[in-house]
Amino acid sequence: MTTPFKPDRWPTVTPRLFTADVEGLAAFLRATFDATGDCLAGRPAEMRIGESIIMVSDGAGMRRAAPGFLYVYVEDADDTWRKAVAAGARSIEPPTDMPYGDRRSMVEDPWGNAWQIATFRPR
């Protein structure tokens, strides 16, 4: 659907993470979630995970780094959790079946962002 107030390729709500290490966080997103996107000087990195975009920015003194908390659906929560840990994340919750149908885990990346990683498994 075309809307006059935003670019067509962008969703209405887009998470934005601020960090002093845009390249490092972008590399973590690529390694963990198979994210695509480039880090370009002078603008936020636009990292695509599935059909979602996450902006990763260096506040450069204008904004301080602040941790985010994101819930990400993936094809295989166990495999993605292992990738996250291998890429330097700290495991907070190992993959576990939730009563509402998700198999979910949680990690904290080296920049302080929390990621709940889930696969929906209808019963």
N, C-alpha and C. Protein backbone atom coordinates (compact mmCIF):
# COMPACT_ATOMS: atom_id res chain seq x y z
N MET A 1 0.84 -1.17 0.00
CA MET A 1 0.00 0.00 0.00
C MET A 1 0.89 1.24 0.00
N THR A 2 0.62 2.16 -0.87
CA THR A 2 1.37 3.41 -0.95
C THR A 2 0.77 4.41 0.02
N THR A 3 1.65 5.03 0.80
CA THR A 3 1.22 6.08 1.71
C THR A 3 2.09 7.31 1.47
N PRO A 4 1.54 8.50 1.57
CA PRO A 4 2.32 9.70 1.27
C PRO A 4 3.29 10.11 2.37
N PHE A 5 3.20 9.48 3.54
CA PHE A 5 4.00 9.96 4.67
C PHE A 5 5.23 9.11 4.98
N LYS A 6 5.50 8.05 4.21
CA LYS A 6 6.68 7.22 4.45
C LYS A 6 7.09 6.51 3.17
N PRO A 7 8.35 6.09 3.06
CA PRO A 7 8.77 5.31 1.89
C PRO A 7 8.03 3.98 1.84
N ASP A 8 7.70 3.50 0.66
CA ASP A 8 6.95 2.25 0.50
C ASP A 8 7.64 1.06 1.16
N ARG A 9 8.96 1.00 1.12
CA ARG A 9 9.67 -0.17 1.63
C ARG A 9 9.79 -0.21 3.15
N TRP A 10 9.33 0.81 3.82
CA TRP A 10 9.46 0.89 5.27
C TRP A 10 8.13 0.58 5.95
N PRO A 11 8.18 -0.17 7.08
CA PRO A 11 6.96 -0.38 7.86
C PRO A 11 6.60 0.90 8.62
N THR A 12 5.44 0.93 9.20
CA THR A 12 5.01 2.11 9.95
C THR A 12 5.84 2.32 11.21
N VAL A 13 6.23 1.24 11.88
CA VAL A 13 7.06 1.34 13.08
C VAL A 13 8.38 0.61 12.80
N THR A 14 9.49 1.30 13.02
CA THR A 14 10.81 0.72 12.77
C THR A 14 11.66 0.87 14.02
N PRO A 15 12.15 -0.25 14.58
CA PRO A 15 13.06 -0.13 15.72
C PRO A 15 14.36 0.57 15.31
N ARG A 16 14.92 1.33 16.24
CA ARG A 16 16.19 2.01 16.00
C ARG A 16 17.06 1.82 17.23
N LEU A 17 18.25 1.29 17.01
CA LEU A 17 19.20 1.04 18.10
C LEU A 17 20.36 2.02 17.96
N PHE A 18 20.78 2.60 19.07
CA PHE A 18 21.92 3.50 19.10
C PHE A 18 23.09 2.80 19.78
N THR A 19 24.25 2.88 19.16
CA THR A 19 25.43 2.24 19.69
C THR A 19 26.66 3.01 19.25
N ALA A 20 27.74 2.86 19.98
CA ALA A 20 29.01 3.46 19.58
C ALA A 20 29.73 2.55 18.58
N ASP A 21 29.19 1.36 18.31
CA ASP A 21 29.82 0.37 17.44
C ASP A 21 28.82 -0.16 16.41
N VAL A 22 28.46 0.68 15.46
CA VAL A 22 27.48 0.30 14.43
C VAL A 22 27.97 -0.91 13.65
N GLU A 23 29.22 -0.90 13.22
CA GLU A 23 29.77 -2.02 12.43
C GLU A 23 29.71 -3.33 13.22
N GLY A 24 30.05 -3.28 14.50
CA GLY A 24 30.04 -4.49 15.32
C GLY A 24 28.64 -5.05 15.51
N LEU A 25 27.68 -4.17 15.81
CA LEU A 25 26.30 -4.62 15.99
C LEU A 25 25.73 -5.14 14.67
N ALA A 26 26.05 -4.47 13.56
CA ALA A 26 25.59 -4.95 12.25
C ALA A 26 26.17 -6.34 11.96
N ALA A 27 27.43 -6.56 12.29
CA ALA A 27 28.05 -7.88 12.08
C ALA A 27 27.35 -8.95 12.93
N PHE A 28 26.99 -8.59 14.17
CA PHE A 28 26.26 -9.53 15.04
C PHE A 28 24.91 -9.88 14.41
N LEU A 29 24.20 -8.90 13.89
CA LEU A 29 22.90 -9.14 13.27
C LEU A 29 23.04 -10.04 12.03
N ARG A 30 24.09 -9.84 11.26
CA ARG A 30 24.33 -10.70 10.10
C ARG A 30 24.62 -12.13 10.54
N ALA A 31 25.48 -12.29 11.54
CA ALA A 31 25.89 -13.63 11.99
C ALA A 31 24.75 -14.38 12.67
N THR A 32 23.92 -13.67 13.41
CA THR A 32 22.87 -14.31 14.18
C THR A 32 21.58 -14.51 13.39
N PHE A 33 21.14 -13.47 12.71
CA PHE A 33 19.82 -13.48 12.07
C PHE A 33 19.89 -13.48 10.54
N ASP A 34 21.08 -13.66 9.98
CA ASP A 34 21.26 -13.57 8.52
C ASP A 34 20.75 -12.24 7.98
N ALA A 35 20.93 -11.19 8.76
CA ALA A 35 20.49 -9.86 8.36
C ALA A 35 21.28 -9.40 7.14
N THR A 36 20.66 -8.53 6.36
CA THR A 36 21.34 -7.90 5.24
C THR A 36 21.31 -6.40 5.47
N GLY A 37 22.23 -5.71 4.85
CA GLY A 37 22.29 -4.27 4.97
C GLY A 37 23.72 -3.81 5.11
N ASP A 38 23.92 -2.55 4.79
CA ASP A 38 25.26 -1.97 4.81
C ASP A 38 25.34 -0.82 5.79
N CYS A 39 26.53 -0.59 6.28
CA CYS A 39 26.80 0.56 7.14
C CYS A 39 27.39 1.65 6.24
N LEU A 40 26.70 2.75 6.11
CA LEU A 40 27.14 3.85 5.27
C LEU A 40 27.44 5.06 6.15
N ALA A 41 28.54 5.72 5.89
CA ALA A 41 28.94 6.88 6.68
C ALA A 41 27.87 7.97 6.63
N GLY A 42 27.60 8.55 7.78
CA GLY A 42 26.69 9.68 7.85
C GLY A 42 25.22 9.34 7.88
N ARG A 43 24.88 8.04 7.94
CA ARG A 43 23.46 7.67 8.00
C ARG A 43 23.31 6.37 8.76
N PRO A 44 22.12 6.10 9.29
CA PRO A 44 21.91 4.86 10.02
C PRO A 44 22.04 3.64 9.09
N ALA A 45 22.56 2.56 9.63
CA ALA A 45 22.55 1.29 8.89
C ALA A 45 21.11 0.81 8.85
N GLU A 46 20.70 0.30 7.72
CA GLU A 46 19.35 -0.26 7.56
C GLU A 46 19.52 -1.77 7.46
N MET A 47 19.32 -2.45 8.57
CA MET A 47 19.53 -3.90 8.62
C MET A 47 18.18 -4.59 8.47
N ARG A 48 18.10 -5.48 7.50
CA ARG A 48 16.84 -6.18 7.22
C ARG A 48 16.94 -7.60 7.76
N ILE A 49 15.96 -7.95 8.60
CA ILE A 49 15.79 -9.31 9.12
C ILE A 49 14.41 -9.75 8.66
N GLY A 50 14.36 -10.71 7.75
CA GLY A 50 13.07 -11.09 7.18
C GLY A 50 12.44 -9.89 6.52
N GLU A 51 11.18 -9.60 6.86
CA GLU A 51 10.52 -8.43 6.26
C GLU A 51 10.65 -7.19 7.13
N SER A 52 11.44 -7.25 8.18
CA SER A 52 11.59 -6.13 9.11
C SER A 52 12.90 -5.39 8.88
N ILE A 53 12.89 -4.11 9.22
CA ILE A 53 14.09 -3.28 9.15
C ILE A 53 14.39 -2.78 10.56
N ILE A 54 15.66 -2.84 10.93
CA ILE A 54 16.14 -2.24 12.17
C ILE A 54 17.18 -1.20 11.78
N MET A 55 16.99 0.01 12.25
CA MET A 55 17.98 1.05 12.01
C MET A 55 19.02 0.97 13.14
N VAL A 56 20.29 1.02 12.78
CA VAL A 56 21.38 1.01 13.75
C VAL A 56 22.18 2.29 13.55
N SER A 57 22.23 3.10 14.59
CA SER A 57 22.83 4.43 14.47
C SER A 57 23.90 4.67 15.51
N ASP A 58 24.85 5.51 15.13
CA ASP A 58 25.85 6.03 16.06
C ASP A 58 25.35 7.42 16.45
N GLY A 59 25.01 7.58 17.70
CA GLY A 59 24.50 8.87 18.14
C GLY A 59 25.49 9.99 18.02
N ALA A 60 26.78 9.67 17.99
CA ALA A 60 27.86 10.66 17.83
C ALA A 60 27.64 11.88 18.72
N GLY A 61 27.33 11.62 19.99
CA GLY A 61 27.18 12.70 20.95
C GLY A 61 25.79 13.30 21.00
N MET A 62 24.99 13.08 19.98
CA MET A 62 23.64 13.64 19.96
C MET A 62 22.67 12.78 20.77
N ARG A 63 22.90 11.47 20.76
CA ARG A 63 22.04 10.54 21.51
C ARG A 63 22.95 9.52 22.17
N ARG A 64 22.60 9.14 23.36
CA ARG A 64 23.42 8.13 24.04
C ARG A 64 22.94 6.74 23.64
N ALA A 65 23.86 5.81 23.71
CA ALA A 65 23.50 4.42 23.44
C ALA A 65 22.47 3.98 24.47
N ALA A 66 21.46 3.28 24.03
CA ALA A 66 20.42 2.78 24.92
C ALA A 66 20.06 1.37 24.47
N PRO A 67 19.98 0.43 25.40
CA PRO A 67 19.67 -0.93 24.98
C PRO A 67 18.22 -1.07 24.51
N GLY A 68 18.04 -1.96 23.56
CA GLY A 68 16.71 -2.28 23.05
C GLY A 68 16.28 -3.66 23.52
N PHE A 69 15.00 -3.95 23.38
CA PHE A 69 14.45 -5.26 23.72
C PHE A 69 13.57 -5.65 22.54
N LEU A 70 14.01 -6.65 21.78
CA LEU A 70 13.32 -7.01 20.55
C LEU A 70 12.92 -8.47 20.56
N TYR A 71 11.77 -8.76 19.99
CA TYR A 71 11.22 -10.12 19.86
C TYR A 71 11.29 -10.46 18.39
N VAL A 72 12.03 -11.51 18.05
CA VAL A 72 12.27 -11.84 16.66
C VAL A 72 11.80 -13.27 16.37
N TYR A 73 10.92 -13.41 15.40
CA TYR A 73 10.51 -14.75 14.95
C TYR A 73 11.48 -15.23 13.88
N VAL A 74 11.93 -16.46 14.03
CA VAL A 74 12.88 -17.08 13.10
C VAL A 74 12.40 -18.49 12.76
N GLU A 75 13.00 -19.08 11.76
CA GLU A 75 12.61 -20.42 11.34
C GLU A 75 12.98 -21.47 12.39
N ASP A 76 14.13 -21.31 13.03
CA ASP A 76 14.61 -22.30 14.00
C ASP A 76 15.20 -21.58 15.21
N ALA A 77 14.43 -21.47 16.28
CA ALA A 77 14.85 -20.72 17.47
C ALA A 77 16.11 -21.33 18.10
N ASP A 78 16.21 -22.64 18.10
CA ASP A 78 17.38 -23.29 18.70
C ASP A 78 18.66 -22.95 17.94
N ASP A 79 18.60 -23.06 16.61
CA ASP A 79 19.76 -22.77 15.78
C ASP A 79 20.15 -21.30 15.89
N THR A 80 19.18 -20.41 15.87
CA THR A 80 19.47 -18.98 15.96
C THR A 80 20.04 -18.63 17.33
N TRP A 81 19.54 -19.25 18.39
CA TRP A 81 20.10 -19.04 19.73
C TRP A 81 21.57 -19.46 19.75
N ARG A 82 21.89 -20.61 19.14
CA ARG A 82 23.29 -21.07 19.08
C ARG A 82 24.15 -20.07 18.29
N LYS A 83 23.63 -19.56 17.19
CA LYS A 83 24.37 -18.56 16.41
C LYS A 83 24.63 -17.31 17.23
N ALA A 84 23.64 -16.87 17.98
CA ALA A 84 23.78 -15.66 18.80
C ALA A 84 24.88 -15.85 19.84
N VAL A 85 24.86 -16.98 20.52
CA VAL A 85 25.87 -17.25 21.54
C VAL A 85 27.26 -17.34 20.89
N ALA A 86 27.36 -17.99 19.73
CA ALA A 86 28.64 -18.09 19.02
C ALA A 86 29.14 -16.72 18.57
N ALA A 87 28.20 -15.79 18.32
CA ALA A 87 28.57 -14.44 17.88
C ALA A 87 28.86 -13.51 19.06
N GLY A 88 28.83 -14.04 20.29
CA GLY A 88 29.22 -13.24 21.45
C GLY A 88 28.12 -12.86 22.40
N ALA A 89 26.88 -13.31 22.15
CA ALA A 89 25.78 -12.98 23.06
C ALA A 89 25.85 -13.83 24.33
N ARG A 90 25.29 -13.30 25.38
CA ARG A 90 25.16 -14.02 26.65
C ARG A 90 23.77 -14.63 26.70
N SER A 91 23.71 -15.92 26.97
CA SER A 91 22.40 -16.58 27.06
C SER A 91 21.72 -16.17 28.36
N ILE A 92 20.47 -15.73 28.25
CA ILE A 92 19.66 -15.40 29.41
C ILE A 92 18.66 -16.52 29.67
N GLU A 93 18.06 -17.03 28.60
CA GLU A 93 17.13 -18.17 28.68
C GLU A 93 17.45 -19.12 27.53
N PRO A 94 17.67 -20.40 27.81
CA PRO A 94 17.86 -21.35 26.71
C PRO A 94 16.53 -21.58 26.00
N PRO A 95 16.55 -22.16 24.80
CA PRO A 95 15.30 -22.43 24.10
C PRO A 95 14.37 -23.30 24.94
N THR A 96 13.13 -22.83 25.07
CA THR A 96 12.12 -23.49 25.90
C THR A 96 10.77 -23.36 25.23
N ASP A 97 9.94 -24.39 25.34
CA ASP A 97 8.58 -24.32 24.81
C ASP A 97 7.70 -23.51 25.76
N MET A 98 7.04 -22.51 25.21
CA MET A 98 6.15 -21.64 25.98
C MET A 98 4.71 -22.14 25.87
N PRO A 99 3.86 -21.87 26.86
CA PRO A 99 2.49 -22.37 26.83
C PRO A 99 1.64 -21.77 25.70
N TYR A 100 2.07 -20.67 25.12
CA TYR A 100 1.30 -20.02 24.06
C TYR A 100 1.75 -20.44 22.65
N GLY A 101 2.63 -21.45 22.56
CA GLY A 101 2.99 -22.01 21.27
C GLY A 101 4.34 -21.62 20.72
N ASP A 102 5.03 -20.65 21.33
CA ASP A 102 6.36 -20.29 20.85
C ASP A 102 7.42 -21.17 21.50
N ARG A 103 8.42 -21.53 20.74
CA ARG A 103 9.67 -22.05 21.31
C ARG A 103 10.56 -20.83 21.34
N ARG A 104 11.01 -20.45 22.54
CA ARG A 104 11.65 -19.14 22.71
C ARG A 104 12.90 -19.24 23.56
N SER A 105 13.84 -18.39 23.24
CA SER A 105 15.05 -18.21 24.05
C SER A 105 15.29 -16.71 24.18
N MET A 106 16.28 -16.36 24.99
CA MET A 106 16.62 -14.95 25.12
C MET A 106 18.11 -14.80 25.32
N VAL A 107 18.69 -13.82 24.62
CA VAL A 107 20.11 -13.51 24.76
C VAL A 107 20.27 -12.01 24.94
N GLU A 108 21.44 -11.64 25.44
CA GLU A 108 21.84 -10.24 25.49
C GLU A 108 23.08 -10.11 24.65
N ASP A 109 23.05 -9.23 23.66
CA ASP A 109 24.22 -9.06 22.80
C ASP A 109 25.29 -8.25 23.53
N PRO A 110 26.51 -8.19 22.98
CA PRO A 110 27.59 -7.46 23.65
C PRO A 110 27.34 -5.96 23.82
N TRP A 111 26.30 -5.41 23.19
CA TRP A 111 25.99 -3.98 23.29
C TRP A 111 24.84 -3.73 24.27
N GLY A 112 24.36 -4.79 24.94
CA GLY A 112 23.32 -4.65 25.95
C GLY A 112 21.90 -4.80 25.46
N ASN A 113 21.71 -5.11 24.18
CA ASN A 113 20.36 -5.31 23.65
C ASN A 113 19.87 -6.71 23.99
N ALA A 114 18.62 -6.83 24.39
CA ALA A 114 18.01 -8.13 24.68
C ALA A 114 17.24 -8.59 23.46
N TRP A 115 17.40 -9.86 23.11
CA TRP A 115 16.74 -10.44 21.95
C TRP A 115 16.00 -11.69 22.39
N GLN A 116 14.68 -11.67 22.27
CA GLN A 116 13.92 -12.90 22.45
C GLN A 116 13.78 -13.50 21.07
N ILE A 117 14.19 -14.74 20.95
CA ILE A 117 14.26 -15.43 19.67
C ILE A 117 13.22 -16.53 19.70
N ALA A 118 12.27 -16.51 18.77
CA ALA A 118 11.14 -17.44 18.86
C ALA A 118 10.78 -18.07 17.52
N THR A 119 10.24 -19.27 17.62
CA THR A 119 9.61 -19.96 16.50
C THR A 119 8.24 -20.38 16.97
N PHE A 120 7.22 -20.01 16.21
CA PHE A 120 5.84 -20.38 16.58
C PHE A 120 5.59 -21.81 16.14
N ARG A 121 5.09 -22.58 17.07
CA ARG A 121 4.75 -23.98 16.82
C ARG A 121 3.30 -24.21 17.24
N PRO A 122 2.37 -24.03 16.31
CA PRO A 122 0.96 -24.21 16.69
C PRO A 122 0.69 -25.63 17.21
N ARG A 123 -0.18 -25.73 18.16
CA ARG A 123 -0.49 -27.04 18.76
C ARG A 123 -1.77 -27.59 18.21
